[in-house]
Amino acid sequence: MEQGRKERGQQDVLLYEQHGRQLEPEHLGKFVAISDDGRILSGRHGFFLGDTELAIAQQAVAEFGTPGPMIPSTS
């Protein structure tokens, strides 16, 4: 079970690097929802950024189903 979590964590980081990192310069500290296939949760600006983990998780559940871990934009 622990190995599965580690692999999922690595997958989440890779998805973030590929699809979420580009949003950081203008949206530092916000949350973004990225599906396993790389879709970014859509919204008014082509993606959805939440101020809180709860806000983005609620939108992600509605769009993608149960969300994975949330990674804040902190760089």
PDB file of N, CA and C in Angstrom:
ATOM      1  N   MET A   1       0.819  -1.189   0.000  1.00  0.00           N
ATOM      2  CA  MET A   1       0.000   0.000   0.000  1.00  0.00           C
ATOM      3  C   MET A   1       0.870   1.263   0.000  1.00  0.00           C
ATOM      4  N   GLU A   2       1.908   1.273   0.810  1.00  0.00           N
ATOM      5  CA  GLU A   2       2.816   2.425   0.867  1.00  0.00           C
ATOM      6  C   GLU A   2       3.468   2.678  -0.492  1.00  0.00           C
ATOM      7  N   GLN A   3       3.850   1.621  -1.194  1.00  0.00           N
ATOM      8  CA  GLN A   3       4.455   1.759  -2.522  1.00  0.00           C
ATOM      9  C   GLN A   3       3.475   2.418  -3.490  1.00  0.00           C
ATOM     10  N   GLY A   4       2.205   2.051  -3.387  1.00  0.00           N
ATOM     11  CA  GLY A   4       1.179   2.640  -4.244  1.00  0.00           C
ATOM     12  C   GLY A   4       1.030   4.134  -4.014  1.00  0.00           C
ATOM     13  N   ARG A   5       1.090   4.540  -2.756  1.00  0.00           N
ATOM     14  CA  ARG A   5       1.017   5.977  -2.429  1.00  0.00           C
ATOM     15  C   ARG A   5       2.226   6.719  -2.972  1.00  0.00           C
ATOM     16  N   LYS A   6       3.387   6.113  -2.850  1.00  0.00           N
ATOM     17  CA  LYS A   6       4.605   6.747  -3.335  1.00  0.00           C
ATOM     18  C   LYS A   6       4.536   6.932  -4.853  1.00  0.00           C
ATOM     19  N   GLU A   7       4.085   5.889  -5.551  1.00  0.00           N
ATOM     20  CA  GLU A   7       3.960   5.974  -7.006  1.00  0.00           C
ATOM     21  C   GLU A   7       2.933   7.030  -7.404  1.00  0.00           C
ATOM     22  N   ARG A   8       1.814   7.079  -6.672  1.00  0.00           N
ATOM     23  CA  ARG A   8       0.784   8.083  -6.967  1.00  0.00           C
ATOM     24  C   ARG A   8       1.333   9.481  -6.729  1.00  0.00           C
ATOM     25  N   GLY A   9       2.086   9.650  -5.668  1.00  0.00           N
ATOM     26  CA  GLY A   9       2.692  10.948  -5.389  1.00  0.00           C
ATOM     27  C   GLY A   9       3.636  11.381  -6.498  1.00  0.00           C
ATOM     28  N   GLN A  10       4.420  10.442  -7.002  1.00  0.00           N
ATOM     29  CA  GLN A  10       5.333  10.750  -8.099  1.00  0.00           C
ATOM     30  C   GLN A  10       4.557  11.121  -9.362  1.00  0.00           C
ATOM     31  N   GLN A  11       3.458  10.412  -9.614  1.00  0.00           N
ATOM     32  CA  GLN A  11       2.618  10.715 -10.769  1.00  0.00           C
ATOM     33  C   GLN A  11       2.010  12.116 -10.635  1.00  0.00           C
ATOM     34  N   ASP A  12       1.552  12.458  -9.434  1.00  0.00           N
ATOM     35  CA  ASP A  12       0.963  13.776  -9.201  1.00  0.00           C
ATOM     36  C   ASP A  12       1.981  14.893  -9.434  1.00  0.00           C
ATOM     37  N   VAL A  13       3.192  14.684  -8.958  1.00  0.00           N
ATOM     38  CA  VAL A  13       4.234  15.697  -9.153  1.00  0.00           C
ATOM     39  C   VAL A  13       4.542  15.853 -10.642  1.00  0.00           C
ATOM     40  N   LEU A  14       4.625  14.749 -11.367  1.00  0.00           N
ATOM     41  CA  LEU A  14       4.880  14.803 -12.804  1.00  0.00           C
ATOM     42  C   LEU A  14       3.754  15.546 -13.530  1.00  0.00           C
ATOM     43  N   LEU A  15       2.500  15.247 -13.186  1.00  0.00           N
ATOM     44  CA  LEU A  15       1.370  15.953 -13.800  1.00  0.00           C
ATOM     45  C   LEU A  15       1.454  17.451 -13.519  1.00  0.00           C
ATOM     46  N   TYR A  16       1.793  17.804 -12.287  1.00  0.00           N
ATOM     47  CA  TYR A  16       1.915  19.213 -11.938  1.00  0.00           C
ATOM     48  C   TYR A  16       3.034  19.888 -12.738  1.00  0.00           C
ATOM     49  N   GLU A  17       4.166  19.230 -12.836  1.00  0.00           N
ATOM     50  CA  GLU A  17       5.290  19.797 -13.586  1.00  0.00           C
ATOM     51  C   GLU A  17       4.923  19.998 -15.057  1.00  0.00           C
ATOM     52  N   GLN A  18       4.190  19.047 -15.627  1.00  0.00           N
ATOM     53  CA  GLN A  18       3.828  19.114 -17.041  1.00  0.00           C
ATOM     54  C   GLN A  18       2.703  20.108 -17.327  1.00  0.00           C
ATOM     55  N   HIS A  19       1.749  20.227 -16.404  1.00  0.00           N
ATOM     56  CA  HIS A  19       0.545  20.981 -16.717  1.00  0.00           C
ATOM     57  C   HIS A  19       0.240  22.145 -15.781  1.00  0.00           C
ATOM     58  N   GLY A  20       0.770  22.144 -14.577  1.00  0.00           N
ATOM     59  CA  GLY A  20       0.433  23.180 -13.609  1.00  0.00           C
ATOM     60  C   GLY A  20       1.502  24.223 -13.389  1.00  0.00           C
ATOM     61  N   ARG A  21       2.748  23.829 -13.508  1.00  0.00           N
ATOM     62  CA  ARG A  21       3.866  24.747 -13.220  1.00  0.00           C
ATOM     63  C   ARG A  21       3.759  26.041 -14.018  1.00  0.00           C
ATOM     64  N   GLN A  22       3.285  25.951 -15.249  1.00  0.00           N
ATOM     65  CA  GLN A  22       3.199  27.129 -16.122  1.00  0.00           C
ATOM     66  C   GLN A  22       2.251  28.204 -15.576  1.00  0.00           C
ATOM     67  N   LEU A  23       1.369  27.835 -14.663  1.00  0.00           N
ATOM     68  CA  LEU A  23       0.418  28.787 -14.087  1.00  0.00           C
ATOM     69  C   LEU A  23       0.994  29.567 -12.913  1.00  0.00           C
ATOM     70  N   GLU A  24       2.102  29.110 -12.364  1.00  0.00           N
ATOM     71  CA  GLU A  24       2.662  29.708 -11.151  1.00  0.00           C
ATOM     72  C   GLU A  24       2.999  31.191 -11.252  1.00  0.00           C
ATOM     73  N   PRO A  25       3.630  31.655 -12.315  1.00  0.00           N
ATOM     74  CA  PRO A  25       4.045  33.062 -12.313  1.00  0.00           C
ATOM     75  C   PRO A  25       2.916  34.055 -12.028  1.00  0.00           C
ATOM     76  N   GLU A  26       1.719  33.767 -12.498  1.00  0.00           N
ATOM     77  CA  GLU A  26       0.606  34.692 -12.300  1.00  0.00           C
ATOM     78  C   GLU A  26      -0.366  34.253 -11.213  1.00  0.00           C
ATOM     79  N   HIS A  27      -0.220  33.022 -10.692  1.00  0.00           N
ATOM     80  CA  HIS A  27      -1.208  32.496  -9.759  1.00  0.00           C
ATOM     81  C   HIS A  27      -0.561  31.820  -8.558  1.00  0.00           C
ATOM     82  N   LEU A  28       0.527  32.367  -8.081  1.00  0.00           N
ATOM     83  CA  LEU A  28       1.263  31.798  -6.963  1.00  0.00           C
ATOM     84  C   LEU A  28       0.371  31.656  -5.733  1.00  0.00           C
ATOM     85  N   GLY A  29       0.413  30.484  -5.102  1.00  0.00           N
ATOM     86  CA  GLY A  29      -0.353  30.247  -3.894  1.00  0.00           C
ATOM     87  C   GLY A  29      -1.762  29.739  -4.119  1.00  0.00           C
ATOM     88  N   LYS A  30      -2.201  29.652  -5.372  1.00  0.00           N
ATOM     89  CA  LYS A  30      -3.529  29.131  -5.688  1.00  0.00           C
ATOM     90  C   LYS A  30      -3.429  27.627  -5.901  1.00  0.00           C
ATOM     91  N   PHE A  31      -4.566  26.949  -5.941  1.00  0.00           N
ATOM     92  CA  PHE A  31      -4.623  25.517  -6.205  1.00  0.00           C
ATOM     93  C   PHE A  31      -5.179  25.301  -7.602  1.00  0.00           C
ATOM     94  N   VAL A  32      -4.699  24.273  -8.268  1.00  0.00           N
ATOM     95  CA  VAL A  32      -5.201  23.907  -9.585  1.00  0.00           C
ATOM     96  C   VAL A  32      -5.533  22.418  -9.562  1.00  0.00           C
ATOM     97  N   ALA A  33      -6.594  22.034 -10.274  1.00  0.00           N
ATOM     98  CA  ALA A  33      -6.971  20.624 -10.369  1.00  0.00           C
ATOM     99  C   ALA A  33      -6.549  20.109 -11.741  1.00  0.00           C
ATOM    100  N   ILE A  34      -5.777  19.022 -11.738  1.00  0.00           N
ATOM    101  CA  ILE A  34      -5.301  18.407 -12.978  1.00  0.00           C
ATOM    102  C   ILE A  34      -5.721  16.946 -12.940  1.00  0.00           C
ATOM    103  N   SER A  35      -6.413  16.505 -13.992  1.00  0.00           N
ATOM    104  CA  SER A  35      -6.859  15.112 -14.040  1.00  0.00           C
ATOM    105  C   SER A  35      -5.688  14.200 -14.380  1.00  0.00           C
ATOM    106  N   ASP A  36      -5.901  12.905 -14.206  1.00  0.00           N
ATOM    107  CA  ASP A  36      -4.851  11.931 -14.512  1.00  0.00           C
ATOM    108  C   ASP A  36      -4.415  11.980 -15.963  1.00  0.00           C
ATOM    109  N   ASP A  37      -5.304  12.435 -16.854  1.00  0.00           N
ATOM    110  CA  ASP A  37      -4.942  12.514 -18.275  1.00  0.00           C
ATOM    111  C   ASP A  37      -4.458  13.912 -18.671  1.00  0.00           C
ATOM    112  N   GLY A  38      -4.221  14.784 -17.680  1.00  0.00           N
ATOM    113  CA  GLY A  38      -3.632  16.090 -17.942  1.00  0.00           C
ATOM    114  C   GLY A  38      -4.621  17.210 -18.187  1.00  0.00           C
ATOM    115  N   ARG A  39      -5.916  16.926 -18.105  1.00  0.00           N
ATOM    116  CA  ARG A  39      -6.887  18.006 -18.270  1.00  0.00           C
ATOM    117  C   ARG A  39      -6.838  18.904 -17.043  1.00  0.00           C
ATOM    118  N   ILE A  40      -6.872  20.198 -17.294  1.00  0.00           N
ATOM    119  CA  ILE A  40      -6.910  21.170 -16.204  1.00  0.00           C
ATOM    120  C   ILE A  40      -8.351  21.613 -16.074  1.00  0.00           C
ATOM    121  N   LEU A  41      -8.841  21.660 -14.860  1.00  0.00           N
ATOM    122  CA  LEU A  41     -10.228  22.014 -14.605  1.00  0.00           C
ATOM    123  C   LEU A  41     -10.555  23.332 -15.279  1.00  0.00           C
ATOM    124  N   SER A  42     -11.580  23.331 -16.103  1.00  0.00           N
ATOM    125  CA  SER A  42     -11.919  24.525 -16.872  1.00  0.00           C
ATOM    126  C   SER A  42     -12.672  25.542 -16.029  1.00  0.00           C
ATOM    127  N   GLY A  43     -12.560  26.772 -16.420  1.00  0.00           N
ATOM    128  CA  GLY A  43     -13.236  27.866 -15.745  1.00  0.00           C
ATOM    129  C   GLY A  43     -13.275  29.064 -16.676  1.00  0.00           C
ATOM    130  N   ARG A  44     -13.497  30.223 -16.128  1.00  0.00           N
ATOM    131  CA  ARG A  44     -13.627  31.432 -16.951  1.00  0.00           C
ATOM    132  C   ARG A  44     -12.391  31.710 -17.795  1.00  0.00           C
ATOM    133  N   HIS A  45     -11.231  31.373 -17.307  1.00  0.00           N
ATOM    134  CA  HIS A  45      -9.994  31.695 -18.007  1.00  0.00           C
ATOM    135  C   HIS A  45      -9.360  30.452 -18.636  1.00  0.00           C
ATOM    136  N   GLY A  46     -10.156  29.397 -18.857  1.00  0.00           N
ATOM    137  CA  GLY A  46      -9.633  28.182 -19.454  1.00  0.00           C
ATOM    138  C   GLY A  46      -9.112  27.188 -18.431  1.00  0.00           C
ATOM    139  N   PHE A  47      -9.039  27.588 -17.178  1.00  0.00           N
ATOM    140  CA  PHE A  47      -8.626  26.705 -16.100  1.00  0.00           C
ATOM    141  C   PHE A  47      -9.254  27.242 -14.826  1.00  0.00           C
ATOM    142  N   PHE A  48      -9.255  26.457 -13.781  1.00  0.00           N
ATOM    143  CA  PHE A  48      -9.844  26.889 -12.522  1.00  0.00           C
ATOM    144  C   PHE A  48      -8.772  26.920 -11.457  1.00  0.00           C
ATOM    145  N   LEU A  49      -8.658  28.027 -10.790  1.00  0.00           N
ATOM    146  CA  LEU A  49      -7.735  28.153  -9.671  1.00  0.00           C
ATOM    147  C   LEU A  49      -8.549  28.493  -8.439  1.00  0.00           C
ATOM    148  N   GLY A  50      -8.345  27.748  -7.373  1.00  0.00           N
ATOM    149  CA  GLY A  50      -9.063  28.010  -6.134  1.00  0.00           C
ATOM    150  C   GLY A  50      -8.164  28.648  -5.102  1.00  0.00           C
ATOM    151  N   ASP A  51      -8.755  29.488  -4.280  1.00  0.00           N
ATOM    152  CA  ASP A  51      -8.008  30.105  -3.189  1.00  0.00           C
ATOM    153  C   ASP A  51      -7.780  29.119  -2.053  1.00  0.00           C
ATOM    154  N   THR A  52      -8.647  28.111  -1.964  1.00  0.00           N
ATOM    155  CA  THR A  52      -8.518  27.122  -0.895  1.00  0.00           C
ATOM    156  C   THR A  52      -8.550  25.719  -1.487  1.00  0.00           C
ATOM    157  N   GLU A  53      -8.013  24.801  -0.749  1.00  0.00           N
ATOM    158  CA  GLU A  53      -8.022  23.402  -1.168  1.00  0.00           C
ATOM    159  C   GLU A  53      -9.467  22.904  -1.277  1.00  0.00           C
ATOM    160  N   LEU A  54     -10.325  23.339  -0.374  1.00  0.00           N
ATOM    161  CA  LEU A  54     -11.723  22.913  -0.399  1.00  0.00           C
ATOM    162  C   LEU A  54     -12.424  23.390  -1.673  1.00  0.00           C
ATOM    163  N   ALA A  55     -12.214  24.646  -2.059  1.00  0.00           N
ATOM    164  CA  ALA A  55     -12.869  25.182  -3.260  1.00  0.00           C
ATOM    165  C   ALA A  55     -12.477  24.394  -4.504  1.00  0.00           C
ATOM    166  N   ILE A  56     -11.204  24.129  -4.666  1.00  0.00           N
ATOM    167  CA  ILE A  56     -10.759  23.408  -5.854  1.00  0.00           C
ATOM    168  C   ILE A  56     -11.173  21.944  -5.781  1.00  0.00           C
ATOM    169  N   ALA A  57     -11.176  21.353  -4.591  1.00  0.00           N
ATOM    170  CA  ALA A  57     -11.578  19.960  -4.452  1.00  0.00           C
ATOM    171  C   ALA A  57     -13.049  19.786  -4.821  1.00  0.00           C
ATOM    172  N   GLN A  58     -13.901  20.716  -4.412  1.00  0.00           N
ATOM    173  CA  GLN A  58     -15.327  20.628  -4.752  1.00  0.00           C
ATOM    174  C   GLN A  58     -15.525  20.706  -6.261  1.00  0.00           C
ATOM    175  N   GLN A  59     -14.819  21.604  -6.915  1.00  0.00           N
ATOM    176  CA  GLN A  59     -14.924  21.718  -8.369  1.00  0.00           C
ATOM    177  C   GLN A  59     -14.356  20.480  -9.054  1.00  0.00           C
ATOM    178  N   ALA A  60     -13.244  19.958  -8.539  1.00  0.00           N
ATOM    179  CA  ALA A  60     -12.610  18.777  -9.134  1.00  0.00           C
ATOM    180  C   ALA A  60     -13.509  17.553  -9.029  1.00  0.00           C
ATOM    181  N   VAL A  61     -14.172  17.382  -7.897  1.00  0.00           N
ATOM    182  CA  VAL A  61     -15.080  16.246  -7.727  1.00  0.00           C
ATOM    183  C   VAL A  61     -16.214  16.339  -8.747  1.00  0.00           C
ATOM    184  N   ALA A  62     -16.751  17.535  -8.940  1.00  0.00           N
ATOM    185  CA  ALA A  62     -17.840  17.718  -9.899  1.00  0.00           C
ATOM    186  C   ALA A  62     -17.383  17.421 -11.329  1.00  0.00           C
ATOM    187  N   GLU A  63     -16.158  17.767 -11.659  1.00  0.00           N
ATOM    188  CA  GLU A  63     -15.651  17.610 -13.022  1.00  0.00           C
ATOM    189  C   GLU A  63     -14.994  16.258 -13.275  1.00  0.00           C
ATOM    190  N   PHE A  64     -14.137  15.807 -12.359  1.00  0.00           N
ATOM    191  CA  PHE A  64     -13.298  14.627 -12.591  1.00  0.00           C
ATOM    192  C   PHE A  64     -13.666  13.420 -11.739  1.00  0.00           C
ATOM    193  N   GLY A  65     -14.466  13.600 -10.704  1.00  0.00           N
ATOM    194  CA  GLY A  65     -14.681  12.546  -9.721  1.00  0.00           C
ATOM    195  C   GLY A  65     -13.787  12.819  -8.526  1.00  0.00           C
ATOM    196  N   THR A  66     -13.503  11.833  -7.727  1.00  0.00           N
ATOM    197  CA  THR A  66     -12.712  12.005  -6.519  1.00  0.00           C
ATOM    198  C   THR A  66     -11.320  12.538  -6.843  1.00  0.00           C
ATOM    199  N   PRO A  67     -10.916  13.665  -6.239  1.00  0.00           N
ATOM    200  CA  PRO A  67      -9.612  14.249  -6.542  1.00  0.00           C
ATOM    201  C   PRO A  67      -8.476  13.527  -5.824  1.00  0.00           C
ATOM    202  N   GLY A  68      -7.281  13.673  -6.370  1.00  0.00           N
ATOM    203  CA  GLY A  68      -6.077  13.192  -5.701  1.00  0.00           C
ATOM    204  C   GLY A  68      -5.565  14.281  -4.784  1.00  0.00           C
ATOM    205  N   PRO A  69      -4.340  14.157  -4.338  1.00  0.00           N
ATOM    206  CA  PRO A  69      -3.751  15.155  -3.446  1.00  0.00           C
ATOM    207  C   PRO A  69      -3.689  16.534  -4.104  1.00  0.00           C
ATOM    208  N   MET A  70      -3.787  17.561  -3.311  1.00  0.00           N
ATOM    209  CA  MET A  70      -3.686  18.932  -3.807  1.00  0.00           C
ATOM    210  C   MET A  70      -2.267  19.426  -3.565  1.00  0.00           C
ATOM    211  N   ILE A  71      -1.708  20.056  -4.575  1.00  0.00           N
ATOM    212  CA  ILE A  71      -0.364  20.592  -4.458  1.00  0.00           C
ATOM    213  C   ILE A  71      -0.433  22.096  -4.655  1.00  0.00           C
ATOM    214  N   PRO A  72      -0.159  22.905  -3.616  1.00  0.00           N
ATOM    215  CA  PRO A  72      -0.221  24.354  -3.784  1.00  0.00           C
ATOM    216  C   PRO A  72       0.938  24.853  -4.624  1.00  0.00           C
ATOM    217  N   SER A  73       0.703  25.940  -5.319  1.00  0.00           N
ATOM    218  CA  SER A  73       1.738  26.601  -6.092  1.00  0.00           C
ATOM    219  C   SER A  73       2.533  27.474  -5.139  1.00  0.00           C
ATOM    220  N   THR A  74       3.769  27.069  -4.815  1.00  0.00           N
ATOM    221  CA  THR A  74       4.521  27.782  -3.785  1.00  0.00           C
ATOM    222  C   THR A  74       5.904  28.237  -4.232  1.00  0.00           C
ATOM    223  N   SER A  75       6.270  27.985  -5.445  1.00  0.00           N
ATOM    224  CA  SER A  75       7.627  28.345  -5.871  1.00  0.00           C
ATOM    225  C   SER A  75       7.773  29.825  -6.084  1.00  0.00           C
TER     226      SER A  75
END
